[in-house]
N, C-alpha and C. Protein backbone atom coordinates (compact mmCIF):
# COMPACT_ATOMS: atom_id res chain seq x y z
N MET A 1 10.64 -6.30 -27.79
CA MET A 1 11.80 -6.90 -27.21
C MET A 1 11.41 -8.24 -26.59
N LYS A 2 12.09 -9.27 -26.99
CA LYS A 2 11.79 -10.61 -26.49
C LYS A 2 12.43 -10.82 -25.12
N LYS A 3 11.64 -11.34 -24.17
CA LYS A 3 12.18 -11.62 -22.84
C LYS A 3 12.81 -13.00 -22.84
N SER A 4 13.93 -13.10 -22.17
CA SER A 4 14.57 -14.40 -22.02
C SER A 4 14.72 -14.71 -20.54
N TYR A 5 14.62 -15.98 -20.21
CA TYR A 5 14.69 -16.40 -18.83
C TYR A 5 15.70 -17.52 -18.68
N VAL A 6 16.43 -17.50 -17.59
CA VAL A 6 17.41 -18.53 -17.27
C VAL A 6 17.04 -19.10 -15.91
N LEU A 7 17.10 -20.42 -15.78
CA LEU A 7 16.80 -21.02 -14.49
C LEU A 7 17.88 -20.68 -13.48
N ALA A 8 17.46 -20.48 -12.25
CA ALA A 8 18.39 -20.18 -11.15
C ALA A 8 18.16 -21.18 -10.05
N GLU A 9 19.17 -21.42 -9.26
CA GLU A 9 19.03 -22.32 -8.11
C GLU A 9 19.65 -21.68 -6.88
N LEU A 10 18.82 -21.01 -6.10
CA LEU A 10 19.28 -20.43 -4.84
C LEU A 10 18.88 -21.34 -3.70
N PRO A 11 19.68 -21.39 -2.64
CA PRO A 11 19.29 -22.20 -1.49
C PRO A 11 18.08 -21.59 -0.78
N TYR A 12 17.30 -22.44 -0.11
CA TYR A 12 16.12 -21.96 0.63
C TYR A 12 16.46 -20.82 1.57
N THR A 13 17.59 -20.91 2.26
CA THR A 13 17.94 -19.88 3.23
C THR A 13 18.07 -18.52 2.58
N GLN A 14 18.63 -18.45 1.39
CA GLN A 14 18.77 -17.18 0.71
C GLN A 14 17.41 -16.66 0.24
N ILE A 15 16.56 -17.55 -0.22
CA ILE A 15 15.22 -17.15 -0.67
C ILE A 15 14.44 -16.54 0.48
N TYR A 16 14.39 -17.24 1.61
CA TYR A 16 13.59 -16.76 2.74
C TYR A 16 14.22 -15.54 3.40
N LYS A 17 15.53 -15.43 3.38
CA LYS A 17 16.19 -14.23 3.91
C LYS A 17 15.74 -13.01 3.12
N TYR A 18 15.68 -13.14 1.80
CA TYR A 18 15.26 -12.03 0.96
C TYR A 18 13.78 -11.71 1.19
N LEU A 19 12.93 -12.73 1.27
CA LEU A 19 11.50 -12.49 1.49
C LEU A 19 11.24 -11.81 2.83
N ARG A 20 12.03 -12.11 3.84
CA ARG A 20 11.83 -11.53 5.17
C ARG A 20 12.04 -10.02 5.18
N THR A 21 12.71 -9.47 4.19
CA THR A 21 12.87 -8.02 4.13
C THR A 21 11.55 -7.34 3.75
N TYR A 22 10.61 -8.10 3.19
CA TYR A 22 9.34 -7.53 2.74
C TYR A 22 8.12 -8.14 3.42
N MET A 23 8.26 -9.32 4.01
CA MET A 23 7.12 -10.04 4.57
C MET A 23 7.45 -10.55 5.97
N SER A 24 6.43 -10.73 6.78
CA SER A 24 6.64 -11.32 8.11
C SER A 24 6.75 -12.84 7.97
N ASP A 25 7.26 -13.49 9.02
CA ASP A 25 7.36 -14.95 9.01
C ASP A 25 5.99 -15.59 8.86
N LYS A 26 4.96 -14.95 9.46
CA LYS A 26 3.59 -15.48 9.34
C LYS A 26 3.12 -15.43 7.89
N GLU A 27 3.37 -14.31 7.21
CA GLU A 27 2.99 -14.20 5.80
C GLU A 27 3.74 -15.22 4.95
N ILE A 28 5.03 -15.35 5.19
CA ILE A 28 5.84 -16.31 4.43
C ILE A 28 5.34 -17.73 4.63
N SER A 29 4.94 -18.05 5.85
CA SER A 29 4.50 -19.42 6.15
C SER A 29 3.20 -19.79 5.43
N GLU A 30 2.48 -18.80 4.91
CA GLU A 30 1.24 -19.07 4.18
C GLU A 30 1.50 -19.50 2.74
N TYR A 31 2.75 -19.46 2.30
CA TYR A 31 3.10 -19.85 0.95
C TYR A 31 3.96 -21.09 0.97
N LYS A 32 3.80 -21.93 -0.04
CA LYS A 32 4.62 -23.13 -0.19
C LYS A 32 5.51 -22.92 -1.41
N TYR A 33 6.80 -23.06 -1.21
CA TYR A 33 7.76 -22.90 -2.31
C TYR A 33 7.61 -24.10 -3.25
N VAL A 34 7.47 -23.83 -4.54
CA VAL A 34 7.27 -24.92 -5.49
C VAL A 34 8.51 -25.23 -6.31
N GLY A 35 9.62 -24.57 -6.02
CA GLY A 35 10.89 -24.97 -6.60
C GLY A 35 11.22 -24.45 -7.98
N PHE A 36 10.49 -23.47 -8.48
CA PHE A 36 10.80 -22.94 -9.81
C PHE A 36 11.39 -21.55 -9.66
N GLN A 37 12.65 -21.40 -10.03
CA GLN A 37 13.31 -20.10 -9.99
C GLN A 37 13.79 -19.75 -11.39
N PHE A 38 13.81 -18.47 -11.70
CA PHE A 38 14.36 -18.05 -12.98
C PHE A 38 14.94 -16.65 -12.87
N ILE A 39 15.84 -16.34 -13.78
CA ILE A 39 16.45 -15.02 -13.86
C ILE A 39 15.89 -14.34 -15.10
N SER A 40 15.30 -13.17 -14.92
CA SER A 40 14.73 -12.46 -16.06
C SER A 40 15.84 -11.70 -16.79
N ASN A 41 15.48 -11.08 -17.90
CA ASN A 41 16.48 -10.37 -18.68
C ASN A 41 16.94 -9.07 -18.00
N ASN A 42 16.31 -8.69 -16.88
CA ASN A 42 16.79 -7.54 -16.12
C ASN A 42 17.64 -7.97 -14.92
N ASN A 43 18.03 -9.27 -14.91
CA ASN A 43 18.91 -9.86 -13.90
C ASN A 43 18.28 -10.01 -12.52
N TYR A 44 16.98 -9.86 -12.40
CA TYR A 44 16.32 -10.15 -11.13
C TYR A 44 15.96 -11.63 -11.09
N ILE A 45 16.02 -12.20 -9.91
CA ILE A 45 15.70 -13.61 -9.72
C ILE A 45 14.30 -13.70 -9.13
N TYR A 46 13.49 -14.58 -9.69
CA TYR A 46 12.12 -14.77 -9.24
C TYR A 46 11.91 -16.23 -8.84
N ALA A 47 11.01 -16.45 -7.92
CA ALA A 47 10.65 -17.81 -7.52
C ALA A 47 9.14 -17.91 -7.42
N THR A 48 8.62 -19.08 -7.69
CA THR A 48 7.18 -19.31 -7.67
C THR A 48 6.77 -20.03 -6.39
N PHE A 49 5.68 -19.55 -5.81
CA PHE A 49 5.14 -20.10 -4.57
C PHE A 49 3.65 -20.38 -4.77
N LYS A 50 3.12 -21.27 -3.96
CA LYS A 50 1.70 -21.62 -4.00
C LYS A 50 1.09 -21.25 -2.65
N ASP A 51 -0.04 -20.53 -2.67
CA ASP A 51 -0.68 -20.18 -1.41
C ASP A 51 -1.63 -21.28 -0.96
N LYS A 52 -2.23 -21.10 0.23
CA LYS A 52 -3.06 -22.16 0.80
C LYS A 52 -4.35 -22.40 0.02
N GLU A 53 -4.76 -21.45 -0.82
CA GLU A 53 -5.94 -21.65 -1.66
C GLU A 53 -5.60 -22.32 -2.99
N GLY A 54 -4.30 -22.53 -3.25
CA GLY A 54 -3.89 -23.19 -4.48
C GLY A 54 -3.46 -22.26 -5.60
N TYR A 55 -3.46 -20.96 -5.34
CA TYR A 55 -3.03 -20.00 -6.36
C TYR A 55 -1.51 -19.86 -6.36
N PHE A 56 -0.95 -19.62 -7.53
CA PHE A 56 0.50 -19.46 -7.66
C PHE A 56 0.86 -17.98 -7.67
N HIS A 57 1.98 -17.65 -7.04
CA HIS A 57 2.49 -16.29 -6.96
C HIS A 57 3.98 -16.32 -7.28
N THR A 58 4.44 -15.32 -8.00
CA THR A 58 5.86 -15.22 -8.32
C THR A 58 6.41 -13.98 -7.62
N PHE A 59 7.47 -14.20 -6.83
CA PHE A 59 8.08 -13.13 -6.06
C PHE A 59 9.51 -12.88 -6.53
N ASN A 60 9.88 -11.62 -6.51
CA ASN A 60 11.27 -11.24 -6.74
C ASN A 60 12.04 -11.65 -5.49
N ILE A 61 13.10 -12.45 -5.66
CA ILE A 61 13.85 -12.93 -4.49
C ILE A 61 15.31 -12.49 -4.52
N GLY A 62 15.64 -11.53 -5.36
CA GLY A 62 17.02 -11.04 -5.37
C GLY A 62 17.46 -10.61 -6.74
N LYS A 63 18.69 -10.22 -6.82
CA LYS A 63 19.27 -9.79 -8.09
C LYS A 63 20.55 -10.57 -8.32
N LYS A 64 20.74 -10.97 -9.56
CA LYS A 64 21.94 -11.76 -9.91
C LYS A 64 23.18 -10.92 -9.83
């Protein structure tokens, strides 16, 4: 099954509100949002962040 992705654009406030349900403000502050969001074929929205060491992480930030 081929996966398809659609770009999404959620406001910062919605992204961080969703992350706060799973992470503390201190944990969130260790990541820098890099502005890439997408919707997977299961309708979950993901966003990419960069940590202080330069590694990229993709987090589920909600459902469409």
